[in-house]
């Protein structure tokens, strides 16, 4: 993106307050880049929990994608409801388009990749300035710093271990619950050969166990070259004495896949929520505990 670029703000899920402070901050940040933030009237609508009926929100999404004067779509409202727009028949047009969002809006990012379109970025426009500068840098086509996490040696079935390794492939990033809800639909892209990064919030360890067991049992993780883990936050009183910790569940379910594994990445709910572009080639190094974009 360059000075003069236009961005459409969309609320594909939950309604927004007209005086939302986050929008004011985002507008200022865009102006500093020379970008114009458009806030269509539908952005501040309200129908039950949503910013409008499914049909109204889907129509706003279609019009934004069809507007050749708009270079980027910022999904500013999440919460719940993005998948309902896909059910309405929305289809991602061919060709690349910058889109930014996370959480519930992961459904739209994944559907964009499933359609073969590049430009989807898992991230958020809020947070501190370093978080924003990283997102803005990606939108300007600039190189960004690697993410630092904790590398883990992998275990093969039967308990045998081998040295931590390096994986390269196109990057896929999503909220785990949202991606799970797309299993069996045309909106979940192929994970073959990719480096997969997952995050989630509000789900206790036993629920994460169920989700990851579904992924393992369905065969979705076969062919994944490496796995990165962002934040997995939940209410700490939603567990019983003797339960697995979240880290124990994640490692027990994923280490046996025998692929490089890095946890503790600053991705997902919480701060910082560092932006990652879907479809970009990357390197996951489980020895160094890093995730690096390659191109």
Protein backbone atom coordinates (compact mmCIF):
# COMPACT_ATOMS: atom_id res chain seq x y z
CA UNK A 1 0.00 0.00 0.00
CA UNK A 2 1.11 3.56 -0.75
CA UNK A 3 0.01 7.05 0.29
CA UNK A 4 -3.46 7.63 -1.10
CA UNK A 5 -4.58 4.02 -0.58
CA UNK A 6 -8.13 3.51 0.66
CA UNK A 7 -9.22 1.07 3.38
CA UNK A 8 -12.79 -0.08 4.01
CA UNK A 9 -13.66 -0.88 7.63
CA UNK A 10 -16.17 -3.72 7.97
CA UNK A 11 -17.96 -5.35 10.90
CA UNK A 12 -18.72 -8.90 9.69
CA UNK A 13 -19.87 -9.94 13.14
CA UNK A 14 -20.61 -8.04 16.33
CA UNK A 15 -22.02 -4.49 16.26
CA UNK A 16 -19.85 -1.49 17.07
CA UNK A 17 -20.52 1.65 19.07
CA UNK A 18 -20.53 4.75 16.84
CA UNK A 19 -18.04 6.43 19.18
CA UNK A 20 -15.69 3.44 19.35
CA UNK A 21 -12.28 4.71 20.50
CA UNK A 22 -10.52 1.99 18.55
CA UNK A 23 -11.84 3.36 15.27
CA UNK A 24 -10.62 6.85 16.13
CA UNK A 25 -7.14 5.49 16.85
CA UNK A 26 -7.17 3.45 13.65
CA UNK A 27 -8.24 6.45 11.59
CA UNK A 28 -5.38 8.52 13.01
CA UNK A 29 -2.86 5.77 12.36
CA UNK A 30 -4.06 5.41 8.78
CA UNK A 31 -3.84 9.16 8.22
CA UNK A 32 -0.23 9.11 9.41
CA UNK A 33 0.47 6.58 6.65
CA UNK A 34 -1.35 8.69 4.08
CA UNK A 35 -4.18 6.15 3.90
CA UNK A 36 -7.90 6.92 4.00
CA UNK A 37 -10.16 4.86 6.28
CA UNK A 38 -13.72 4.51 4.99
CA UNK A 39 -16.45 3.73 7.52
CA UNK A 40 -19.63 2.72 5.64
CA UNK A 41 -22.97 3.35 7.33
CA UNK A 42 -23.49 -0.41 7.81
CA UNK A 43 -20.52 -0.41 10.17
CA UNK A 44 -22.65 1.09 12.95
CA UNK A 45 -25.86 -0.84 12.34
CA UNK A 46 -27.32 -3.21 14.86
CA UNK A 47 -29.46 -6.32 14.57
CA UNK A 48 -29.57 -8.44 17.71
CA UNK A 49 -25.91 -9.30 18.44
CA UNK A 50 -24.71 -8.35 14.97
CA UNK A 51 -23.99 -5.12 13.08
CA UNK A 52 -26.82 -6.00 10.70
CA UNK A 53 -28.72 -8.97 9.38
CA UNK A 54 -26.71 -11.69 7.67
CA UNK A 55 -27.89 -10.43 4.27
CA UNK A 56 -26.93 -6.81 5.04
CA UNK A 57 -23.47 -7.75 6.33
CA UNK A 58 -22.82 -10.09 3.40
CA UNK A 59 -23.86 -7.37 0.94
CA UNK A 60 -21.48 -4.87 2.59
CA UNK A 61 -18.67 -7.42 2.26
CA UNK A 62 -19.44 -8.05 -1.41
CA UNK A 63 -19.53 -4.34 -2.23
CA UNK A 64 -16.23 -3.71 -0.47
CA UNK A 65 -14.53 -6.54 -2.37
CA UNK A 66 -16.02 -5.29 -5.65
CA UNK A 67 -14.86 -1.69 -5.13
CA UNK A 68 -11.70 -1.27 -7.21
CA UNK A 69 -10.92 2.00 -5.40
CA UNK A 70 -10.44 0.09 -2.12
CA UNK A 71 -7.00 -1.46 -1.59
CA UNK A 72 -7.62 -3.11 1.78
CA UNK A 73 -10.42 -4.41 4.00
CA UNK A 74 -10.06 -4.13 7.77
CA UNK A 75 -12.38 -6.43 9.69
CA UNK A 76 -12.87 -4.26 12.76
CA UNK A 77 -15.73 -6.15 14.37
CA UNK A 78 -15.29 -9.78 15.37
CA UNK A 79 -17.06 -11.59 18.22
CA UNK A 80 -19.34 -13.90 16.26
CA UNK A 81 -20.98 -14.12 12.86
CA UNK A 82 -18.34 -14.16 10.10
CA UNK A 83 -19.08 -17.74 9.03
CA UNK A 84 -22.74 -16.81 8.56
CA UNK A 85 -21.65 -14.50 5.73
CA UNK A 86 -19.96 -17.39 3.95
CA UNK A 87 -23.18 -19.37 4.36
CA UNK A 88 -24.97 -16.46 2.63
CA UNK A 89 -23.09 -17.36 -0.52
CA UNK A 90 -20.28 -14.81 -0.41
CA UNK A 91 -17.43 -15.93 -2.65
CA UNK A 92 -14.01 -14.33 -2.61
CA UNK A 93 -13.30 -12.80 -6.05
CA UNK A 94 -10.10 -13.80 -7.86
CA UNK A 95 -6.98 -11.74 -7.38
CA UNK A 96 -5.11 -10.53 -4.30
CA UNK A 97 -6.57 -8.10 -1.78
CA UNK A 98 -5.23 -6.93 1.56
CA UNK A 99 -7.53 -8.03 4.39
CA UNK A 100 -6.77 -7.80 8.11
CA UNK A 101 -8.49 -9.43 11.07
CA UNK A 102 -8.34 -12.29 13.56
CA UNK A 103 -10.50 -14.25 16.02
CA UNK A 104 -13.96 -14.84 14.49
CA UNK A 105 -12.79 -13.11 11.29
CA UNK A 106 -10.30 -15.95 10.80
CA UNK A 107 -13.13 -17.60 8.87
CA UNK A 108 -12.94 -14.89 6.20
CA UNK A 109 -9.14 -15.04 6.06
CA UNK A 110 -9.20 -18.81 5.60
CA UNK A 111 -11.93 -18.60 2.96
CA UNK A 112 -9.77 -16.10 1.08
CA UNK A 113 -6.85 -18.53 1.05
CA UNK A 114 -9.14 -21.42 0.07
CA UNK A 115 -10.19 -19.33 -2.95
CA UNK A 116 -6.52 -18.91 -3.91
CA UNK A 117 -6.38 -15.21 -3.06
CA UNK A 118 -3.32 -13.75 -1.35
CA UNK A 119 -3.25 -10.73 0.96
CA UNK A 120 -4.97 -12.00 4.11
CA UNK A 121 -3.19 -10.94 7.32
CA UNK A 122 -3.93 -12.39 10.74
CA UNK A 123 -3.52 -9.43 13.08
CA UNK A 124 -5.09 -6.43 14.75
CA UNK A 125 -4.94 -2.67 14.30
CA UNK A 126 -4.89 -1.81 18.00
CA UNK A 127 -2.22 -2.38 20.61
CA UNK A 128 0.98 -0.42 20.98
CA UNK A 129 2.93 1.28 18.21
CA UNK A 130 5.39 -1.59 17.58
CA UNK A 131 2.41 -3.88 16.90
CA UNK A 132 0.91 -1.34 14.49
CA UNK A 133 4.25 -0.66 12.77
CA UNK A 134 4.66 -4.35 12.02
CA UNK A 135 1.19 -4.52 10.44
CA UNK A 136 1.74 -1.29 8.50
CA UNK A 137 5.13 -2.58 7.33
CA UNK A 138 3.55 -5.75 5.95
CA UNK A 139 0.93 -3.68 4.14
CA UNK A 140 3.71 -1.55 2.62
CA UNK A 141 5.54 -4.68 1.46
CA UNK A 142 8.44 -4.33 3.90
CA UNK A 143 10.39 -7.04 5.71
CA UNK A 144 9.46 -7.61 9.36
CA UNK A 145 11.28 -9.20 12.28
CA UNK A 146 10.96 -12.92 13.11
CA UNK A 147 8.69 -13.96 15.96
CA UNK A 148 10.37 -15.53 18.97
CA UNK A 149 8.85 -18.44 20.87
CA UNK A 150 9.95 -21.66 22.55
CA UNK A 151 11.10 -24.57 20.45
CA UNK A 152 10.27 -28.16 21.38
CA UNK A 153 11.88 -31.39 20.35
CA UNK A 154 9.43 -33.65 18.54
CA UNK A 155 8.45 -37.18 19.53
CA UNK A 156 7.53 -39.96 17.17
CA UNK A 157 4.80 -42.51 17.87
CA UNK A 158 6.14 -44.96 20.42
CA UNK A 159 7.96 -42.35 22.46
CA UNK A 160 11.14 -42.16 20.40
CA UNK A 161 12.51 -38.65 19.99
CA UNK A 162 14.61 -36.93 17.39
CA UNK A 163 16.32 -33.57 17.25
CA UNK A 164 14.28 -30.41 16.79
CA UNK A 165 14.11 -29.46 13.15
CA UNK A 166 13.34 -26.70 10.69
CA UNK A 167 10.28 -26.52 8.44
CA UNK A 168 9.56 -24.26 5.49
CA UNK A 169 6.30 -23.73 3.66
CA UNK A 170 3.39 -21.34 3.12
CA UNK A 171 2.03 -19.89 6.35
CA UNK A 172 -1.48 -20.64 7.60
CA UNK A 173 -2.74 -18.83 10.72
CA UNK A 174 -6.08 -19.15 12.51
CA UNK A 175 -8.07 -19.29 15.67
CA UNK A 176 -8.40 -23.01 16.43
CA UNK A 177 -12.12 -22.99 17.26
CA UNK A 178 -13.00 -21.03 14.11
CA UNK A 179 -10.90 -23.24 11.85
CA UNK A 180 -12.49 -26.32 13.41
CA UNK A 181 -15.93 -24.93 12.56
CA UNK A 182 -14.91 -24.87 8.88
CA UNK A 183 -14.00 -28.57 8.68
CA UNK A 184 -16.08 -30.17 5.94
CA UNK A 185 -16.77 -26.86 4.19
CA UNK A 186 -15.13 -25.39 1.07
CA UNK A 187 -13.76 -22.51 3.16
CA UNK A 188 -10.97 -24.42 4.92
CA UNK A 189 -7.88 -24.35 2.67
CA UNK A 190 -5.61 -27.33 2.21
CA UNK A 191 -2.95 -27.59 4.91
CA UNK A 192 -0.66 -29.84 2.87
CA UNK A 193 2.93 -28.61 3.06
CA UNK A 194 2.11 -25.58 5.19
CA UNK A 195 3.41 -24.21 8.47
CA UNK A 196 0.33 -23.94 10.68
CA UNK A 197 0.00 -21.38 13.49
CA UNK A 198 -2.94 -21.68 15.89
CA UNK A 199 -4.29 -19.62 18.79
CA UNK A 200 -7.46 -19.55 20.89
CA UNK A 201 -9.16 -17.89 23.83
CA UNK A 202 -11.84 -18.81 26.32
CA UNK A 203 -11.36 -22.55 25.85
CA UNK A 204 -10.23 -24.69 28.79
CA UNK A 205 -7.55 -27.35 28.24
CA UNK A 206 -10.08 -30.18 28.00
CA UNK A 207 -11.88 -28.35 25.18
CA UNK A 208 -8.62 -27.75 23.32
CA UNK A 209 -7.96 -31.47 23.71
CA UNK A 210 -11.26 -32.25 21.98
CA UNK A 211 -10.51 -29.87 19.12
CA UNK A 212 -6.98 -31.13 18.50
CA UNK A 213 -8.15 -34.75 18.74
CA UNK A 214 -10.68 -33.96 16.01
CA UNK A 215 -7.92 -32.49 13.84
CA UNK A 216 -5.68 -35.52 14.41
CA UNK A 217 -8.48 -38.03 13.82
CA UNK A 218 -9.74 -36.31 10.66
CA UNK A 219 -6.29 -36.44 9.07
CA UNK A 220 -6.10 -32.67 8.61
CA UNK A 221 -2.66 -32.50 10.19
CA UNK A 222 -1.12 -35.07 7.84
CA UNK A 223 1.24 -33.21 5.57
CA UNK A 224 1.60 -30.17 7.80
CA UNK A 225 5.33 -29.37 7.91
CA UNK A 226 5.49 -27.48 11.20
CA UNK A 227 3.24 -26.07 13.91
CA UNK A 228 3.46 -22.77 15.77
CA UNK A 229 1.34 -21.95 18.80
CA UNK A 230 0.21 -18.50 19.83
CA UNK A 231 -1.69 -17.67 23.00
CA UNK A 232 -4.24 -20.06 24.48
CA UNK A 233 -6.02 -18.14 27.25
CA UNK A 234 -8.94 -19.32 29.33
CA UNK A 235 -10.66 -18.82 32.68
CA UNK A 236 -8.34 -20.48 35.21
CA UNK A 237 -11.24 -21.62 37.36
CA UNK A 238 -12.58 -23.70 34.46
CA UNK A 239 -10.36 -26.65 35.35
CA UNK A 240 -10.34 -29.24 38.13
CA UNK A 241 -7.43 -30.39 40.31
CA UNK A 242 -5.45 -32.96 38.41
CA UNK A 243 -6.41 -31.66 34.96
CA UNK A 244 -3.78 -31.29 32.27
CA UNK A 245 -2.30 -27.82 31.98
CA UNK A 246 -2.80 -26.06 28.65
CA UNK A 247 0.83 -26.56 27.68
CA UNK A 248 0.64 -30.25 28.54
CA UNK A 249 -2.41 -30.71 26.31
CA UNK A 250 -0.88 -28.80 23.40
CA UNK A 251 2.40 -30.67 23.53
CA UNK A 252 0.84 -34.08 24.18
CA UNK A 253 -1.52 -33.70 21.21
CA UNK A 254 0.97 -32.16 18.77
CA UNK A 255 4.49 -33.36 19.60
CA UNK A 256 3.70 -36.90 18.43
CA UNK A 257 3.14 -35.61 14.91
CA UNK A 258 6.92 -35.55 14.46
CA UNK A 259 7.10 -32.05 12.95
CA UNK A 260 8.90 -28.94 14.26
CA UNK A 261 6.90 -27.32 17.05
CA UNK A 262 7.25 -23.80 18.49
CA UNK A 263 5.01 -22.44 21.25
CA UNK A 264 4.73 -19.07 22.97
CA UNK A 265 4.44 -16.95 19.83
CA UNK A 266 3.00 -13.44 20.36
CA UNK A 267 -0.03 -14.17 18.20
CA UNK A 268 -3.72 -14.07 19.01
CA UNK A 269 -5.85 -12.65 21.80
CA UNK A 270 -3.83 -10.45 24.13
CA UNK A 271 -0.96 -8.07 23.54
CA UNK A 272 1.05 -7.97 21.50
CA UNK A 273 -0.85 -9.64 18.69
CA UNK A 274 1.79 -9.59 15.99
CA UNK A 275 0.63 -9.70 12.38
CA UNK A 276 1.30 -12.72 10.17
CA UNK A 277 0.39 -12.98 6.45
CA UNK A 278 -1.38 -16.11 5.27
CA UNK A 279 0.17 -17.80 2.24
CA UNK A 280 3.64 -16.26 2.63
CA UNK A 281 6.56 -18.67 2.73
CA UNK A 282 8.13 -18.93 6.14
CA UNK A 283 10.65 -20.88 8.17
CA UNK A 284 9.78 -22.41 11.55
CA UNK A 285 12.93 -23.24 13.50
CA UNK A 286 12.23 -25.41 16.54
CA UNK A 287 15.87 -25.22 17.61
CA UNK A 288 15.96 -21.41 17.77
CA UNK A 289 12.23 -21.12 18.58
CA UNK A 290 11.65 -18.65 15.72
CA UNK A 291 9.16 -18.05 12.93
CA UNK A 292 10.62 -16.08 10.02
CA UNK A 293 8.95 -14.80 6.84
CA UNK A 294 11.05 -15.68 3.78
CA UNK A 295 9.51 -13.61 0.99
